[in-house]
N, C-alpha and C. Protein backbone atom coordinates (compact mmCIF):
# COMPACT_ATOMS: atom_id res chain seq x y z
N HIS A 1 144.86 185.08 -24.19
CA HIS A 1 144.81 184.93 -25.62
C HIS A 1 144.63 183.44 -25.93
N GLN A 2 143.84 183.16 -26.93
CA GLN A 2 143.58 181.76 -27.28
C GLN A 2 143.57 181.59 -28.79
N LEU A 3 144.17 180.50 -29.23
CA LEU A 3 144.15 180.11 -30.62
C LEU A 3 143.62 178.68 -30.66
N GLN A 4 142.57 178.45 -31.47
CA GLN A 4 141.94 177.14 -31.50
C GLN A 4 141.74 176.69 -32.94
N PHE A 5 142.02 175.40 -33.17
CA PHE A 5 141.82 174.78 -34.47
C PHE A 5 140.96 173.54 -34.26
N VAL A 6 139.85 173.43 -34.98
CA VAL A 6 138.96 172.28 -34.89
C VAL A 6 138.75 171.74 -36.30
N HIS A 7 138.91 170.43 -36.45
CA HIS A 7 138.76 169.82 -37.77
C HIS A 7 138.01 168.50 -37.63
N LYS A 8 136.92 168.35 -38.38
CA LYS A 8 136.19 167.09 -38.41
C LYS A 8 136.71 166.28 -39.59
N PHE A 9 137.16 165.06 -39.31
CA PHE A 9 137.64 164.21 -40.38
C PHE A 9 136.91 162.88 -40.33
N ILE A 10 136.95 162.18 -41.44
CA ILE A 10 136.11 161.01 -41.67
C ILE A 10 134.68 161.51 -41.41
N SER A 11 133.82 160.72 -40.80
CA SER A 11 132.46 161.23 -40.58
C SER A 11 132.15 161.42 -39.11
N SER A 12 132.95 160.82 -38.24
CA SER A 12 132.59 160.87 -36.83
C SER A 12 133.78 161.16 -35.91
N TRP A 13 134.85 161.71 -36.42
CA TRP A 13 136.01 162.05 -35.61
C TRP A 13 136.29 163.55 -35.69
N ILE A 14 136.64 164.14 -34.54
CA ILE A 14 136.96 165.57 -34.48
C ILE A 14 138.31 165.73 -33.79
N PHE A 15 139.19 166.52 -34.40
CA PHE A 15 140.46 166.88 -33.78
C PHE A 15 140.37 168.34 -33.35
N ASP A 16 140.75 168.62 -32.12
CA ASP A 16 140.67 169.96 -31.55
C ASP A 16 142.01 170.29 -30.92
N LEU A 17 142.60 171.41 -31.30
CA LEU A 17 143.86 171.88 -30.72
C LEU A 17 143.66 173.29 -30.22
N LYS A 18 143.91 173.48 -28.93
CA LYS A 18 143.71 174.78 -28.31
C LYS A 18 145.00 175.21 -27.62
N ASN A 19 145.44 176.44 -27.87
CA ASN A 19 146.62 177.02 -27.22
C ASN A 19 146.22 178.30 -26.51
N ASN A 20 146.68 178.46 -25.27
CA ASN A 20 146.33 179.62 -24.46
C ASN A 20 147.58 180.30 -23.92
N ALA A 21 147.49 181.62 -23.78
CA ALA A 21 148.49 182.43 -23.08
C ALA A 21 147.71 183.35 -22.15
N ASP A 22 147.98 183.24 -20.84
CA ASP A 22 147.20 183.99 -19.84
C ASP A 22 148.12 184.71 -18.87
N VAL A 23 147.61 185.77 -18.28
CA VAL A 23 148.26 186.45 -17.17
C VAL A 23 147.21 186.64 -16.08
N THR A 24 147.54 186.22 -14.86
CA THR A 24 146.66 186.37 -13.70
C THR A 24 147.41 187.16 -12.65
N LYS A 25 146.81 188.27 -12.18
CA LYS A 25 147.48 189.14 -11.23
C LYS A 25 146.63 189.33 -9.98
N ASN A 26 147.31 189.51 -8.85
CA ASN A 26 146.66 189.89 -7.61
C ASN A 26 147.61 190.80 -6.85
N THR A 27 147.09 191.93 -6.36
CA THR A 27 147.88 192.87 -5.59
C THR A 27 147.11 193.23 -4.33
N SER A 28 147.78 193.09 -3.18
CA SER A 28 147.17 193.43 -1.90
C SER A 28 148.16 194.28 -1.11
N GLU A 29 147.72 195.46 -0.69
CA GLU A 29 148.59 196.33 0.09
C GLU A 29 148.84 195.77 1.48
N ASN A 30 147.85 195.12 2.07
CA ASN A 30 147.96 194.63 3.45
C ASN A 30 148.57 193.24 3.57
N PHE A 31 148.48 192.43 2.52
CA PHE A 31 148.98 191.05 2.56
C PHE A 31 149.91 190.83 1.36
N SER A 32 151.15 191.26 1.51
CA SER A 32 152.07 191.19 0.37
C SER A 32 152.39 189.76 -0.04
N ASN A 33 152.23 188.77 0.87
CA ASN A 33 152.50 187.39 0.47
C ASN A 33 151.40 186.84 -0.44
N ASN A 34 150.30 187.59 -0.63
CA ASN A 34 149.24 187.20 -1.55
C ASN A 34 149.42 187.82 -2.93
N ASN A 35 150.46 188.60 -3.13
CA ASN A 35 150.70 189.23 -4.42
C ASN A 35 151.31 188.23 -5.39
N TYR A 36 150.81 188.26 -6.61
CA TYR A 36 151.39 187.40 -7.65
C TYR A 36 151.10 187.98 -9.02
N ASN A 37 151.91 187.56 -9.96
CA ASN A 37 151.75 187.87 -11.37
C ASN A 37 152.10 186.57 -12.11
N ILE A 38 151.09 185.77 -12.42
CA ILE A 38 151.30 184.44 -12.97
C ILE A 38 151.11 184.46 -14.48
N GLN A 39 152.16 184.07 -15.20
CA GLN A 39 152.08 183.93 -16.65
C GLN A 39 151.92 182.46 -16.97
N SER A 40 150.91 182.14 -17.78
CA SER A 40 150.59 180.75 -18.11
C SER A 40 150.58 180.55 -19.61
N TYR A 41 151.07 179.38 -20.02
CA TYR A 41 151.02 178.96 -21.41
C TYR A 41 150.55 177.50 -21.42
N SER A 42 149.64 177.17 -22.33
CA SER A 42 149.15 175.79 -22.36
C SER A 42 148.77 175.39 -23.78
N THR A 43 148.84 174.09 -24.01
CA THR A 43 148.38 173.51 -25.26
C THR A 43 147.54 172.29 -24.91
N HIS A 44 146.40 172.14 -25.61
CA HIS A 44 145.42 171.10 -25.31
C HIS A 44 144.97 170.39 -26.59
N PRO A 45 145.65 169.34 -27.01
CA PRO A 45 145.10 168.55 -28.12
C PRO A 45 144.02 167.59 -27.61
N LYS A 46 142.97 167.41 -28.40
CA LYS A 46 141.87 166.52 -28.01
C LYS A 46 141.32 165.84 -29.27
N ILE A 47 140.98 164.56 -29.11
CA ILE A 47 140.34 163.83 -30.19
C ILE A 47 138.99 163.34 -29.68
N SER A 48 137.96 163.53 -30.50
CA SER A 48 136.60 163.15 -30.11
C SER A 48 136.02 162.18 -31.12
N TYR A 49 135.26 161.22 -30.61
CA TYR A 49 134.55 160.27 -31.46
C TYR A 49 133.06 160.48 -31.24
N LEU A 50 132.34 160.75 -32.33
CA LEU A 50 130.89 160.94 -32.27
C LEU A 50 130.24 159.60 -32.61
N ALA A 51 129.86 158.84 -31.56
CA ALA A 51 129.27 157.52 -31.76
C ALA A 51 127.88 157.62 -32.36
N SER A 52 127.17 158.70 -32.02
CA SER A 52 125.84 158.97 -32.57
C SER A 52 125.61 160.46 -32.42
N PRO A 53 124.49 161.00 -32.92
CA PRO A 53 124.24 162.43 -32.74
C PRO A 53 124.15 162.84 -31.26
N ASN A 54 123.89 161.88 -30.36
CA ASN A 54 123.72 162.21 -28.95
C ASN A 54 124.78 161.58 -28.05
N THR A 55 125.83 161.01 -28.62
CA THR A 55 126.87 160.34 -27.82
C THR A 55 128.25 160.73 -28.33
N LYS A 56 129.11 161.18 -27.38
CA LYS A 56 130.45 161.62 -27.74
C LYS A 56 131.45 161.12 -26.70
N PHE A 57 132.61 160.66 -27.17
CA PHE A 57 133.71 160.24 -26.31
C PHE A 57 134.95 161.04 -26.68
N ASP A 58 135.71 161.48 -25.66
CA ASP A 58 136.89 162.31 -25.88
C ASP A 58 138.10 161.69 -25.18
N ALA A 59 139.27 161.91 -25.78
CA ALA A 59 140.55 161.63 -25.14
C ALA A 59 141.41 162.87 -25.35
N PHE A 60 142.10 163.31 -24.29
CA PHE A 60 142.83 164.57 -24.40
C PHE A 60 144.10 164.56 -23.56
N TYR A 61 144.96 165.50 -23.88
CA TYR A 61 146.21 165.75 -23.17
C TYR A 61 146.34 167.26 -23.05
N ALA A 62 146.92 167.71 -21.97
CA ALA A 62 147.19 169.15 -21.83
C ALA A 62 148.56 169.32 -21.18
N TYR A 63 149.32 170.25 -21.72
CA TYR A 63 150.58 170.64 -21.12
C TYR A 63 150.48 172.12 -20.76
N THR A 64 150.78 172.44 -19.50
CA THR A 64 150.65 173.80 -19.02
C THR A 64 151.90 174.19 -18.24
N THR A 65 152.37 175.42 -18.46
CA THR A 65 153.42 175.99 -17.63
C THR A 65 152.87 177.27 -16.99
N ARG A 66 153.18 177.45 -15.73
CA ARG A 66 152.77 178.66 -15.01
C ARG A 66 153.98 179.15 -14.21
N GLU A 67 154.19 180.47 -14.24
CA GLU A 67 155.31 181.04 -13.52
C GLU A 67 154.89 182.35 -12.86
N ASN A 68 155.19 182.45 -11.57
CA ASN A 68 154.98 183.70 -10.85
C ASN A 68 156.21 184.57 -11.10
N THR A 69 156.02 185.74 -11.66
CA THR A 69 157.15 186.58 -12.06
C THR A 69 157.57 187.56 -10.98
N ILE A 70 156.97 187.49 -9.77
CA ILE A 70 157.38 188.34 -8.66
C ILE A 70 157.58 187.49 -7.41
N ALA A 71 158.14 188.06 -6.39
CA ALA A 71 158.32 187.45 -5.06
C ALA A 71 159.16 186.18 -5.13
N ASP A 72 158.59 185.01 -4.83
CA ASP A 72 159.35 183.77 -4.72
C ASP A 72 159.51 183.03 -6.05
N PHE A 73 158.98 183.54 -7.12
CA PHE A 73 159.15 182.99 -8.47
C PHE A 73 158.77 181.50 -8.55
N GLU A 74 157.63 181.13 -7.99
CA GLU A 74 157.14 179.76 -8.07
C GLU A 74 156.83 179.41 -9.53
N ASN A 75 157.00 178.13 -9.89
CA ASN A 75 156.63 177.73 -11.24
C ASN A 75 156.13 176.30 -11.26
N LEU A 76 155.36 176.00 -12.30
CA LEU A 76 154.72 174.70 -12.45
C LEU A 76 154.83 174.25 -13.90
N ASN A 77 155.15 172.97 -14.07
CA ASN A 77 155.01 172.28 -15.35
C ASN A 77 154.00 171.17 -15.09
N GLN A 78 152.90 171.21 -15.80
CA GLN A 78 151.80 170.27 -15.55
C GLN A 78 151.46 169.48 -16.81
N HIS A 79 151.31 168.17 -16.64
CA HIS A 79 150.82 167.29 -17.69
C HIS A 79 149.49 166.74 -17.21
N ARG A 80 148.50 166.74 -18.11
CA ARG A 80 147.18 166.20 -17.76
C ARG A 80 146.71 165.30 -18.89
N LEU A 81 146.35 164.08 -18.54
CA LEU A 81 145.75 163.12 -19.46
C LEU A 81 144.32 162.90 -19.01
N GLY A 82 143.41 162.75 -19.98
CA GLY A 82 142.03 162.56 -19.57
C GLY A 82 141.15 161.95 -20.63
N VAL A 83 140.01 161.47 -20.16
CA VAL A 83 138.95 160.95 -21.02
C VAL A 83 137.63 161.51 -20.51
N SER A 84 136.68 161.65 -21.43
CA SER A 84 135.35 162.13 -21.04
C SER A 84 134.31 161.56 -21.99
N PHE A 85 133.06 161.67 -21.56
CA PHE A 85 131.96 161.21 -22.40
C PHE A 85 130.74 162.08 -22.14
N ALA A 86 129.84 162.10 -23.11
CA ALA A 86 128.56 162.81 -22.99
C ALA A 86 127.53 161.97 -23.73
N ILE A 87 126.44 161.65 -23.04
CA ILE A 87 125.37 160.86 -23.61
C ILE A 87 124.05 161.56 -23.32
N ALA A 88 123.24 161.73 -24.34
CA ALA A 88 121.90 162.31 -24.18
C ALA A 88 120.90 161.36 -24.81
N LYS A 89 119.84 161.06 -24.10
CA LYS A 89 118.81 160.16 -24.60
C LYS A 89 117.55 160.94 -24.95
N LYS A 90 116.74 160.36 -25.85
CA LYS A 90 115.52 161.03 -26.28
C LYS A 90 114.52 161.18 -25.14
N ASP A 91 114.59 160.31 -24.14
CA ASP A 91 113.66 160.40 -23.02
C ASP A 91 114.12 161.42 -21.97
N LYS A 92 114.86 162.42 -22.41
CA LYS A 92 115.25 163.58 -21.62
C LYS A 92 116.18 163.24 -20.46
N ILE A 93 117.11 162.34 -20.70
CA ILE A 93 118.16 162.01 -19.73
C ILE A 93 119.50 162.36 -20.36
N SER A 94 120.37 162.98 -19.59
CA SER A 94 121.73 163.22 -20.08
C SER A 94 122.72 162.81 -19.00
N LEU A 95 123.87 162.33 -19.44
CA LEU A 95 124.91 161.85 -18.55
C LEU A 95 126.26 162.31 -19.09
N ASN A 96 127.06 162.95 -18.23
CA ASN A 96 128.39 163.43 -18.60
C ASN A 96 129.38 162.96 -17.57
N GLY A 97 130.58 162.60 -17.99
CA GLY A 97 131.61 162.18 -17.07
C GLY A 97 132.99 162.54 -17.58
N GLU A 98 133.94 162.64 -16.64
CA GLU A 98 135.31 162.97 -17.01
C GLU A 98 136.27 162.41 -15.97
N PHE A 99 137.42 161.93 -16.44
CA PHE A 99 138.50 161.47 -15.56
C PHE A 99 139.78 162.15 -16.01
N ASN A 100 140.55 162.68 -15.05
CA ASN A 100 141.81 163.37 -15.34
C ASN A 100 142.93 162.82 -14.47
N TYR A 101 144.10 162.69 -15.06
CA TYR A 101 145.31 162.29 -14.34
C TYR A 101 146.34 163.40 -14.53
N TYR A 102 146.79 163.99 -13.42
CA TYR A 102 147.71 165.12 -13.45
C TYR A 102 149.08 164.71 -12.94
N ILE A 103 150.12 165.27 -13.54
CA ILE A 103 151.47 165.20 -13.01
C ILE A 103 151.93 166.65 -12.86
N ASN A 104 152.09 167.10 -11.61
CA ASN A 104 152.47 168.47 -11.31
C ASN A 104 153.91 168.53 -10.85
N ASP A 105 154.77 169.17 -11.62
CA ASP A 105 156.16 169.40 -11.24
C ASP A 105 156.24 170.86 -10.78
N PHE A 106 156.20 171.06 -9.46
CA PHE A 106 156.09 172.41 -8.89
C PHE A 106 157.36 172.77 -8.14
N GLU A 107 157.81 174.01 -8.31
CA GLU A 107 158.95 174.54 -7.55
C GLU A 107 158.47 175.74 -6.75
N GLY A 108 158.68 175.67 -5.44
CA GLY A 108 158.26 176.74 -4.54
C GLY A 108 157.59 176.14 -3.32
N SER A 109 157.16 177.01 -2.43
CA SER A 109 156.47 176.56 -1.22
C SER A 109 155.02 176.20 -1.58
N THR A 110 154.62 174.97 -1.25
CA THR A 110 153.26 174.53 -1.58
C THR A 110 152.22 175.04 -0.60
N PHE A 111 152.66 175.69 0.49
CA PHE A 111 151.74 176.17 1.52
C PHE A 111 151.56 177.68 1.45
N SER A 112 151.32 178.20 0.26
CA SER A 112 151.13 179.64 0.10
C SER A 112 149.91 179.89 -0.79
N PRO A 113 149.32 181.07 -0.69
CA PRO A 113 148.20 181.40 -1.58
C PRO A 113 148.59 181.37 -3.06
N VAL A 114 149.84 181.71 -3.36
CA VAL A 114 150.31 181.69 -4.74
C VAL A 114 150.35 180.25 -5.26
N ALA A 115 150.85 179.34 -4.44
CA ALA A 115 150.90 177.92 -4.85
C ALA A 115 149.51 177.37 -5.07
N TYR A 116 148.57 177.74 -4.19
CA TYR A 116 147.19 177.27 -4.37
C TYR A 116 146.63 177.76 -5.70
N GLN A 117 146.91 178.99 -6.06
CA GLN A 117 146.45 179.56 -7.33
C GLN A 117 147.12 178.85 -8.51
N ILE A 118 148.42 178.64 -8.44
CA ILE A 118 149.14 178.02 -9.55
C ILE A 118 148.72 176.56 -9.73
N LEU A 119 148.58 175.83 -8.62
CA LEU A 119 148.23 174.41 -8.68
C LEU A 119 146.72 174.17 -8.81
N GLU A 120 145.94 175.24 -8.78
CA GLU A 120 144.48 175.16 -8.89
C GLU A 120 143.88 174.21 -7.85
N GLY A 121 144.39 174.27 -6.62
CA GLY A 121 143.87 173.46 -5.54
C GLY A 121 144.39 172.04 -5.50
N LEU A 122 145.16 171.63 -6.49
CA LEU A 122 145.75 170.28 -6.50
C LEU A 122 147.06 170.30 -5.72
N GLU A 123 147.69 169.15 -5.60
CA GLU A 123 148.95 169.06 -4.88
C GLU A 123 150.09 168.77 -5.84
N GLU A 124 151.31 168.96 -5.36
CA GLU A 124 152.49 168.62 -6.13
C GLU A 124 152.52 167.11 -6.34
N GLY A 125 153.02 166.67 -7.48
CA GLY A 125 153.10 165.24 -7.76
C GLY A 125 151.92 164.76 -8.58
N LYS A 126 151.49 163.52 -8.32
CA LYS A 126 150.42 162.90 -9.10
C LYS A 126 149.06 163.13 -8.43
N ASN A 127 148.08 163.51 -9.25
CA ASN A 127 146.72 163.76 -8.79
C ASN A 127 145.74 163.14 -9.77
N MET A 128 144.58 162.78 -9.28
CA MET A 128 143.50 162.30 -10.13
C MET A 128 142.22 163.04 -9.74
N THR A 129 141.43 163.38 -10.73
CA THR A 129 140.11 163.96 -10.48
C THR A 129 139.11 163.26 -11.39
N TRP A 130 137.87 163.21 -10.94
CA TRP A 130 136.82 162.63 -11.76
C TRP A 130 135.50 163.29 -11.40
N LYS A 131 134.58 163.28 -12.35
CA LYS A 131 133.26 163.87 -12.11
C LYS A 131 132.22 163.15 -12.95
N LEU A 132 131.03 163.19 -12.45
CA LEU A 132 129.89 162.57 -13.11
C LEU A 132 128.68 163.46 -12.88
N PHE A 133 127.94 163.73 -13.94
CA PHE A 133 126.77 164.59 -13.86
C PHE A 133 125.62 163.93 -14.61
N ALA A 134 124.48 163.79 -13.94
CA ALA A 134 123.29 163.21 -14.57
C ALA A 134 122.14 164.19 -14.44
N GLN A 135 121.37 164.32 -15.50
CA GLN A 135 120.20 165.21 -15.49
C GLN A 135 119.02 164.46 -16.08
N LYS A 136 117.89 164.55 -15.41
CA LYS A 136 116.66 163.88 -15.85
C LYS A 136 115.53 164.90 -15.83
N ARG A 137 114.86 165.03 -16.96
CA ARG A 137 113.69 165.88 -17.01
C ARG A 137 112.52 165.05 -16.49
N ILE A 138 111.94 165.46 -15.36
CA ILE A 138 110.85 164.72 -14.73
C ILE A 138 109.51 165.11 -15.36
N THR A 139 109.30 166.41 -15.44
CA THR A 139 108.12 166.94 -16.12
C THR A 139 108.58 168.12 -16.96
N LYS A 140 107.64 168.76 -17.63
CA LYS A 140 107.96 169.93 -18.45
C LYS A 140 108.55 171.06 -17.60
N PHE A 141 108.21 171.08 -16.31
CA PHE A 141 108.62 172.18 -15.44
C PHE A 141 109.58 171.74 -14.32
N LEU A 142 110.05 170.48 -14.34
CA LEU A 142 110.84 169.97 -13.23
C LEU A 142 112.02 169.12 -13.73
N ASP A 143 113.23 169.47 -13.29
CA ASP A 143 114.45 168.71 -13.63
C ASP A 143 115.11 168.21 -12.35
N LEU A 144 115.73 167.04 -12.43
CA LEU A 144 116.51 166.49 -11.34
C LEU A 144 117.96 166.40 -11.80
N ASN A 145 118.88 167.02 -11.05
CA ASN A 145 120.30 167.01 -11.36
C ASN A 145 121.06 166.33 -10.23
N VAL A 146 121.94 165.41 -10.57
CA VAL A 146 122.80 164.74 -9.60
C VAL A 146 124.23 164.89 -10.08
N SER A 147 125.12 165.39 -9.21
CA SER A 147 126.52 165.53 -9.59
C SER A 147 127.41 164.94 -8.51
N TYR A 148 128.53 164.39 -8.96
CA TYR A 148 129.50 163.77 -8.07
C TYR A 148 130.89 164.17 -8.54
N PHE A 149 131.73 164.55 -7.60
CA PHE A 149 133.11 164.94 -7.89
C PHE A 149 134.04 164.19 -6.94
N GLY A 150 135.18 163.77 -7.42
CA GLY A 150 136.16 163.11 -6.58
C GLY A 150 137.55 163.53 -6.97
N ARG A 151 138.46 163.42 -5.99
CA ARG A 151 139.86 163.71 -6.28
C ARG A 151 140.76 162.93 -5.33
N LYS A 152 141.96 162.67 -5.79
CA LYS A 152 142.93 161.90 -5.01
C LYS A 152 144.31 162.35 -5.39
N SER A 153 145.17 162.51 -4.38
CA SER A 153 146.58 162.82 -4.63
C SER A 153 147.42 161.76 -3.95
N GLU A 154 148.73 161.84 -4.16
CA GLU A 154 149.64 160.85 -3.59
C GLU A 154 149.64 160.88 -2.07
N THR A 155 149.45 162.05 -1.49
CA THR A 155 149.61 162.19 -0.04
C THR A 155 148.31 162.35 0.73
N SER A 156 147.18 162.38 0.05
CA SER A 156 145.92 162.58 0.76
C SER A 156 144.93 161.45 0.48
N LYS A 157 143.94 161.35 1.34
CA LYS A 157 142.87 160.39 1.12
C LYS A 157 141.97 160.88 0.00
N THR A 158 141.18 159.97 -0.53
CA THR A 158 140.23 160.34 -1.58
C THR A 158 139.16 161.26 -1.00
N ILE A 159 138.85 162.30 -1.73
CA ILE A 159 137.82 163.26 -1.33
C ILE A 159 136.63 163.10 -2.26
N HIS A 160 135.45 162.87 -1.69
CA HIS A 160 134.22 162.72 -2.46
C HIS A 160 133.31 163.90 -2.16
N ASN A 161 132.66 164.39 -3.20
CA ASN A 161 131.75 165.52 -3.04
C ASN A 161 130.60 165.33 -4.03
N GLY A 162 129.39 165.52 -3.59
CA GLY A 162 128.26 165.37 -4.49
C GLY A 162 127.13 166.29 -4.11
N ASN A 163 126.19 166.41 -5.03
CA ASN A 163 125.02 167.20 -4.70
C ASN A 163 123.84 166.80 -5.58
N ILE A 164 122.67 167.01 -5.03
CA ILE A 164 121.43 166.71 -5.73
C ILE A 164 120.62 168.00 -5.79
N GLN A 165 120.04 168.27 -6.95
CA GLN A 165 119.28 169.50 -7.15
C GLN A 165 117.97 169.17 -7.86
N LEU A 166 116.91 169.68 -7.32
CA LEU A 166 115.61 169.59 -7.96
C LEU A 166 115.28 171.00 -8.45
N LYS A 167 115.16 171.18 -9.75
CA LYS A 167 115.01 172.52 -10.35
C LYS A 167 113.60 172.64 -10.93
N ALA A 168 112.89 173.68 -10.49
CA ALA A 168 111.54 173.95 -11.00
C ALA A 168 111.57 175.20 -11.87
N PHE A 169 110.86 175.14 -13.00
CA PHE A 169 110.78 176.28 -13.92
C PHE A 169 109.39 176.90 -13.80
N PHE A 170 109.34 178.20 -13.55
CA PHE A 170 108.08 178.90 -13.40
C PHE A 170 107.76 179.71 -14.63
């Protein structure tokens, strides 16, 4: 379930408030340690500045709680702070980026499929993620996409991941 409120004030500022209530379930007869029933609640306030019709900057915060209501009763309280931007140019170039800082207060075993689901692949404690996506229209029928993703936690080395895609339209 989701409730969202969006309000544009002044001429170039947008306030967005989103609240979610979710339930995620998994049941396995053969692997009972993979069973979970996760109830999640979150609130996401965000403020956006429209610098031009093709340029937007965002600052946001999210608070999320997740609780497994069966088995080991794992739970998470998560705080996320972030900034993002989107720029599109008339010469058919677009650039998007985002940086997130997470604080995960997790109770339970972090080495279980349930913990991986609750933490969304992140680790307990402080985490950072960032991404950058660039798209260039080369011709009417050809696009070049470049994406880069990174993440870092307190206990692991920085992980970098990227990809390049040349897309043809027929």
